[in-house]
Amino acid sequence: MMFPIEYFIGLILIGVCAGFASGLLGVGGGFLIVPLQYFLLKYIGVEPDLAILISFGTSLAIIIPTSMSGAYRHTRTMDNILKPGIRLGIFGIIGGAIGGFVASGLSSRVLEIIFGCLLLFIAVKNFIDINKEREEARIPFNLLTTAVIGLLVGFSSGLLGVGGGIFLIAILTALLGFSLIEAIGTSSVFICLTAVGGFLSYVVSGWGVSTFPYSIGYVSIINFLLIACFSVPLASLGAKVAHKIPQKKLKIVFSILVLYIALKMLGILP
């Protein structure tokens, strides 16, 4: 299979956008990497069922170095995010592995709808909370809540090929009383670990099944290398910028982006 030149240009652009968004918003960038890769793979003629699993598996592989780059920058500014991020991430690895195996048994349309609905929920919630600086903690941050949140967010991460940061930030700010910038930093640490579980499950479940050239299971080596080369340095830049932007503006940018992709995944926008 020969890849057209616009395919490589598309991969570079995904790396630039997803990397910057990852560092800026404390997400793995998967909410951009997954749909954009999926549209690109379908454009070059890959079957939708294979295209979506390649998008999920490769996204998780890219998220590992990208989020590490953002997390390193955040930990230099905030020293209180490492411990909660690691505690949540340990449970996230287990949830991520389970989610990855479940995804390989579902159709692309089912996964598109689940992905789109979750993003829609997050976008709406962010618009509602746009003026809230910090919520009161509604539940305690103990071992039980850490385990439940870590496993659930990890599962959604593996199932949908995202780092899970997009869900974790919403939970940390709405239920545990974290400020947005603390949640972004904690989330970037969590994602580094969670993505590993999901990534490994896509390698295993796609072994000998995936027909995409130059891939290990459902992870495309070409997509990984090209996107990661650009997403890793841009995640560091995004994290640096995040500490200089007012929280309200961050929320507006985040919400508009998520809403647009949600509507596209659900087929509402062309």
Protein backbone atom coordinates (compact mmCIF):
# COMPACT_ATOMS: atom_id res chain seq x y z
CA MET A 1 0.00 0.00 0.00
CA MET A 2 1.45 3.36 -1.08
CA PHE A 3 0.72 6.34 1.14
CA PRO A 4 -0.07 9.65 -0.68
CA ILE A 5 1.99 12.74 0.28
CA GLU A 6 -1.07 14.44 1.86
CA TYR A 7 -1.25 11.52 4.31
CA PHE A 8 2.19 12.42 5.72
CA ILE A 9 1.32 16.13 5.82
CA GLY A 10 -1.89 15.23 7.70
CA LEU A 11 0.06 13.21 10.28
CA ILE A 12 2.46 16.12 10.91
CA LEU A 13 -0.47 18.54 11.41
CA ILE A 14 -2.11 16.10 13.85
CA GLY A 15 1.15 16.01 15.84
CA VAL A 16 1.38 19.80 16.02
CA CYS A 17 -2.29 20.33 17.08
CA ALA A 18 -2.54 17.38 19.47
CA GLY A 19 0.81 18.07 21.14
CA PHE A 20 0.01 21.70 21.88
CA ALA A 21 -3.51 20.83 23.11
CA SER A 22 -2.08 18.05 25.29
CA GLY A 23 0.27 20.33 27.21
CA LEU A 24 -2.14 23.28 27.30
CA LEU A 25 -5.18 21.34 28.53
CA GLY A 26 -3.60 18.42 30.45
CA VAL A 27 -5.17 15.85 28.15
CA GLY A 28 -3.32 13.17 26.23
CA GLY A 29 -4.37 14.75 22.97
CA GLY A 30 -6.22 11.54 22.09
CA PHE A 31 -9.51 13.40 21.62
CA LEU A 32 -7.77 15.02 18.60
CA ILE A 33 -5.41 12.19 17.58
CA VAL A 34 -8.20 9.57 17.37
CA PRO A 35 -10.79 11.34 15.16
CA LEU A 36 -8.20 13.08 12.95
CA GLN A 37 -6.28 9.83 12.34
CA TYR A 38 -9.58 8.03 11.71
CA PHE A 39 -10.68 10.58 9.06
CA LEU A 40 -7.20 10.43 7.48
CA LEU A 41 -7.11 6.60 7.37
CA LYS A 42 -10.58 6.44 5.81
CA TYR A 43 -9.43 9.08 3.28
CA ILE A 44 -6.66 6.73 2.03
CA GLY A 45 -9.13 3.83 1.76
CA VAL A 46 -8.72 1.90 5.03
CA GLU A 47 -11.88 0.01 6.14
CA PRO A 48 -13.69 1.88 9.00
CA ASP A 49 -13.52 -1.06 11.48
CA LEU A 50 -9.74 -1.39 11.03
CA ALA A 51 -9.23 2.41 10.80
CA ILE A 52 -10.84 3.06 14.20
CA LEU A 53 -8.80 0.38 16.00
CA ILE A 54 -5.55 1.63 14.39
CA SER A 55 -6.54 5.17 15.50
CA PHE A 56 -7.16 4.02 19.09
CA GLY A 57 -4.04 1.85 19.43
CA THR A 58 -1.66 4.34 17.79
CA SER A 59 -3.17 7.24 19.73
CA LEU A 60 -2.34 5.54 23.06
CA ALA A 61 1.24 4.87 21.92
CA ILE A 62 1.67 8.57 20.99
CA ILE A 63 0.07 9.75 24.24
CA ILE A 64 2.81 8.12 26.39
CA PRO A 65 5.77 10.34 25.30
CA THR A 66 3.52 13.38 24.61
CA SER A 67 1.99 13.45 28.10
CA MET A 68 5.39 12.77 29.72
CA SER A 69 6.67 15.94 28.05
CA GLY A 70 3.69 17.98 29.36
CA ALA A 71 3.80 16.35 32.83
CA TYR A 72 7.50 17.15 33.27
CA ARG A 73 6.81 20.83 32.56
CA HIS A 74 3.81 20.91 34.97
CA THR A 75 5.73 19.22 37.83
CA ARG A 76 8.40 21.91 37.63
CA THR A 77 5.73 24.53 38.45
CA MET A 78 3.56 22.47 40.88
CA ASP A 79 5.07 19.95 43.29
CA ASN A 80 1.75 18.65 44.68
CA ILE A 81 0.51 16.84 41.53
CA LEU A 82 2.91 13.90 41.30
CA LYS A 83 1.53 11.78 44.17
CA PRO A 84 -2.21 11.90 43.27
CA GLY A 85 -1.35 11.48 39.57
CA ILE A 86 0.68 8.30 40.22
CA ARG A 87 -1.90 6.85 42.65
CA LEU A 88 -4.71 7.30 40.11
CA GLY A 89 -2.46 6.09 37.27
CA ILE A 90 -1.68 2.72 38.88
CA PHE A 91 -5.40 1.83 38.80
CA GLY A 92 -5.68 3.50 35.39
CA ILE A 93 -3.21 1.00 33.84
CA ILE A 94 -5.50 -1.92 34.84
CA GLY A 95 -8.65 -0.15 33.56
CA GLY A 96 -6.87 0.83 30.32
CA ALA A 97 -5.86 -2.76 29.53
CA ILE A 98 -9.45 -4.02 30.07
CA GLY A 99 -10.92 -1.21 27.93
CA GLY A 100 -8.54 -1.95 25.04
CA PHE A 101 -9.59 -5.61 24.86
CA VAL A 102 -13.31 -4.70 24.99
CA ALA A 103 -12.92 -2.18 22.11
CA SER A 104 -11.49 -4.78 19.71
CA GLY A 105 -14.84 -6.64 19.86
CA LEU A 106 -17.06 -3.63 19.01
CA SER A 107 -17.98 -2.09 15.62
CA SER A 108 -16.58 1.26 14.49
CA ARG A 109 -20.03 2.95 14.50
CA VAL A 110 -20.72 1.90 18.12
CA LEU A 111 -17.31 3.28 19.18
CA GLU A 112 -17.86 6.52 17.21
CA ILE A 113 -21.20 7.10 18.98
CA ILE A 114 -19.80 6.33 22.49
CA PHE A 115 -16.83 8.62 21.83
CA GLY A 116 -19.03 11.42 20.46
CA CYS A 117 -21.53 11.26 23.38
CA LEU A 118 -18.78 11.41 26.01
CA LEU A 119 -17.19 14.42 24.33
CA LEU A 120 -20.59 16.12 24.03
CA PHE A 121 -21.22 15.64 27.76
CA ILE A 122 -17.81 17.15 28.61
CA ALA A 123 -18.30 20.16 26.31
CA VAL A 124 -21.75 20.95 27.77
CA LYS A 125 -20.48 20.56 31.36
CA ASN A 126 -17.60 22.95 30.68
CA PHE A 127 -19.90 25.60 29.22
CA ILE A 128 -22.13 25.36 32.33
CA ASP A 129 -19.14 25.68 34.70
CA ILE A 130 -17.34 28.40 32.72
CA ASN A 131 -17.33 30.96 35.56
CA LYS A 132 -16.51 28.57 38.41
CA GLU A 133 -12.93 28.94 39.58
CA ARG A 134 -12.98 26.04 42.02
CA GLU A 135 -15.71 23.71 43.26
CA GLU A 136 -16.03 22.45 46.84
CA ALA A 137 -14.81 18.86 47.25
CA ARG A 138 -17.88 16.61 47.28
CA ILE A 139 -16.13 13.29 47.89
CA PRO A 140 -12.94 12.49 49.86
CA PHE A 141 -9.73 11.66 47.98
CA ASN A 142 -8.98 8.29 49.65
CA LEU A 143 -7.90 4.83 48.45
CA LEU A 144 -11.44 3.72 47.50
CA THR A 145 -12.28 6.82 45.43
CA THR A 146 -8.79 6.72 43.87
CA ALA A 147 -9.33 3.08 42.84
CA VAL A 148 -12.84 3.66 41.43
CA ILE A 149 -11.91 6.84 39.52
CA GLY A 150 -8.62 5.36 38.26
CA LEU A 151 -10.27 2.14 37.00
CA LEU A 152 -13.24 3.91 35.34
CA VAL A 153 -11.18 6.61 33.63
CA GLY A 154 -8.58 3.99 32.68
CA PHE A 155 -11.29 1.81 31.13
CA SER A 156 -12.64 4.71 29.05
CA SER A 157 -9.05 5.49 28.04
CA GLY A 158 -8.41 1.99 26.70
CA LEU A 159 -11.87 1.69 25.13
CA LEU A 160 -11.63 4.99 23.23
CA GLY A 161 -7.88 5.37 22.63
CA VAL A 162 -7.64 8.59 24.64
CA GLY A 163 -5.43 9.31 27.65
CA GLY A 164 -8.55 9.77 29.76
CA GLY A 165 -7.42 13.23 30.88
CA ILE A 166 -10.48 14.80 29.36
CA PHE A 167 -12.66 12.75 31.79
CA LEU A 168 -10.28 12.96 34.75
CA ILE A 169 -10.12 16.78 34.67
CA ALA A 170 -13.93 16.95 34.77
CA ILE A 171 -14.02 14.57 37.79
CA LEU A 172 -11.17 16.27 39.71
CA THR A 173 -12.65 19.77 39.30
CA ALA A 174 -16.33 18.82 39.82
CA LEU A 175 -16.04 16.24 42.63
CA LEU A 176 -12.67 16.53 44.34
CA GLY A 177 -12.26 20.30 44.59
CA PHE A 178 -9.14 20.64 42.41
CA SER A 179 -8.56 23.96 40.60
CA LEU A 180 -8.40 23.62 36.79
CA ILE A 181 -4.61 24.08 36.63
CA GLU A 182 -4.06 21.47 39.43
CA ALA A 183 -6.39 19.05 37.63
CA ILE A 184 -4.52 19.61 34.33
CA GLY A 185 -1.16 18.87 35.99
CA THR A 186 -2.40 15.79 37.89
CA SER A 187 -4.09 14.52 34.74
CA SER A 188 -0.90 14.80 32.67
CA VAL A 189 0.92 12.54 35.19
CA PHE A 190 -2.01 10.06 35.26
CA ILE A 191 -2.16 9.81 31.44
CA CYS A 192 1.50 8.74 31.10
CA LEU A 193 0.68 5.59 33.11
CA THR A 194 -2.86 4.84 31.91
CA ALA A 195 -1.97 4.93 28.21
CA VAL A 196 0.53 2.08 28.77
CA GLY A 197 -2.23 -0.38 29.74
CA GLY A 198 -4.40 0.48 26.73
CA PHE A 199 -1.43 0.53 24.32
CA LEU A 200 -0.34 -2.99 25.31
CA SER A 201 -3.87 -4.39 24.89
CA TYR A 202 -4.10 -3.00 21.31
CA VAL A 203 -0.72 -4.55 20.44
CA VAL A 204 -1.90 -7.95 21.75
CA SER A 205 -5.48 -7.90 20.36
CA GLY A 206 -4.28 -6.80 16.89
CA TRP A 207 -1.38 -9.27 16.69
CA GLY A 208 -1.79 -11.32 13.49
CA VAL A 209 -5.19 -9.65 12.85
CA SER A 210 -4.26 -6.13 11.70
CA THR A 211 -3.61 -5.90 7.93
CA PHE A 212 -2.28 -2.33 8.02
CA PRO A 213 1.33 -2.06 6.69
CA TYR A 214 4.19 -1.28 9.11
CA SER A 215 2.17 -1.90 12.26
CA ILE A 216 2.58 -3.86 15.51
CA GLY A 217 -0.90 -5.13 16.32
CA TYR A 218 -3.21 -2.13 15.98
CA VAL A 219 -0.33 0.35 16.42
CA SER A 220 0.94 2.00 13.20
CA ILE A 221 4.69 2.67 13.38
CA ILE A 222 4.59 5.35 10.63
CA ASN A 223 1.73 7.24 12.32
CA PHE A 224 3.40 6.93 15.72
CA LEU A 225 6.79 8.26 14.59
CA LEU A 226 5.50 11.18 12.53
CA ILE A 227 2.89 12.39 15.02
CA ALA A 228 5.10 11.88 18.12
CA CYS A 229 8.05 13.80 16.57
CA PHE A 230 5.88 16.92 16.55
CA SER A 231 3.54 16.30 19.50
CA VAL A 232 6.28 15.79 22.14
CA PRO A 233 8.05 19.20 21.81
CA LEU A 234 4.72 21.01 21.35
CA ALA A 235 3.28 19.46 24.54
CA SER A 236 6.07 21.09 26.53
CA LEU A 237 5.31 24.44 24.89
CA GLY A 238 1.55 24.01 25.55
CA ALA A 239 2.17 23.29 29.26
CA LYS A 240 4.28 26.44 29.52
CA VAL A 241 1.51 28.54 27.93
CA ALA A 242 -1.19 26.97 30.21
CA HIS A 243 0.33 28.67 33.28
CA LYS A 244 0.02 32.10 31.62
CA ILE A 245 -3.60 31.96 30.38
CA PRO A 246 -6.63 32.87 32.59
CA GLN A 247 -8.65 29.76 33.56
CA LYS A 248 -11.86 31.07 31.99
CA LYS A 249 -10.21 31.46 28.57
CA LEU A 250 -8.70 27.98 28.87
CA LYS A 251 -12.17 26.53 29.54
CA ILE A 252 -13.74 28.33 26.54
CA VAL A 253 -11.05 27.10 24.10
CA PHE A 254 -11.27 23.57 25.52
CA SER A 255 -15.09 23.47 25.31
CA ILE A 256 -15.37 24.75 21.72
CA LEU A 257 -12.77 22.26 20.49
CA VAL A 258 -14.42 19.32 22.25
CA LEU A 259 -17.92 20.30 21.03
CA TYR A 260 -16.77 20.49 17.39
CA ILE A 261 -15.16 17.04 17.47
CA ALA A 262 -18.15 15.52 19.31
CA LEU A 263 -20.56 16.71 16.60
CA LYS A 264 -18.22 15.41 13.87
CA MET A 265 -17.89 11.95 15.46
CA LEU A 266 -21.68 11.71 15.88
CA GLY A 267 -22.14 12.56 12.18
CA ILE A 268 -24.04 15.81 12.92
CA LEU A 269 -21.34 17.88 11.17
CA PRO A 270 -20.02 16.75 7.76
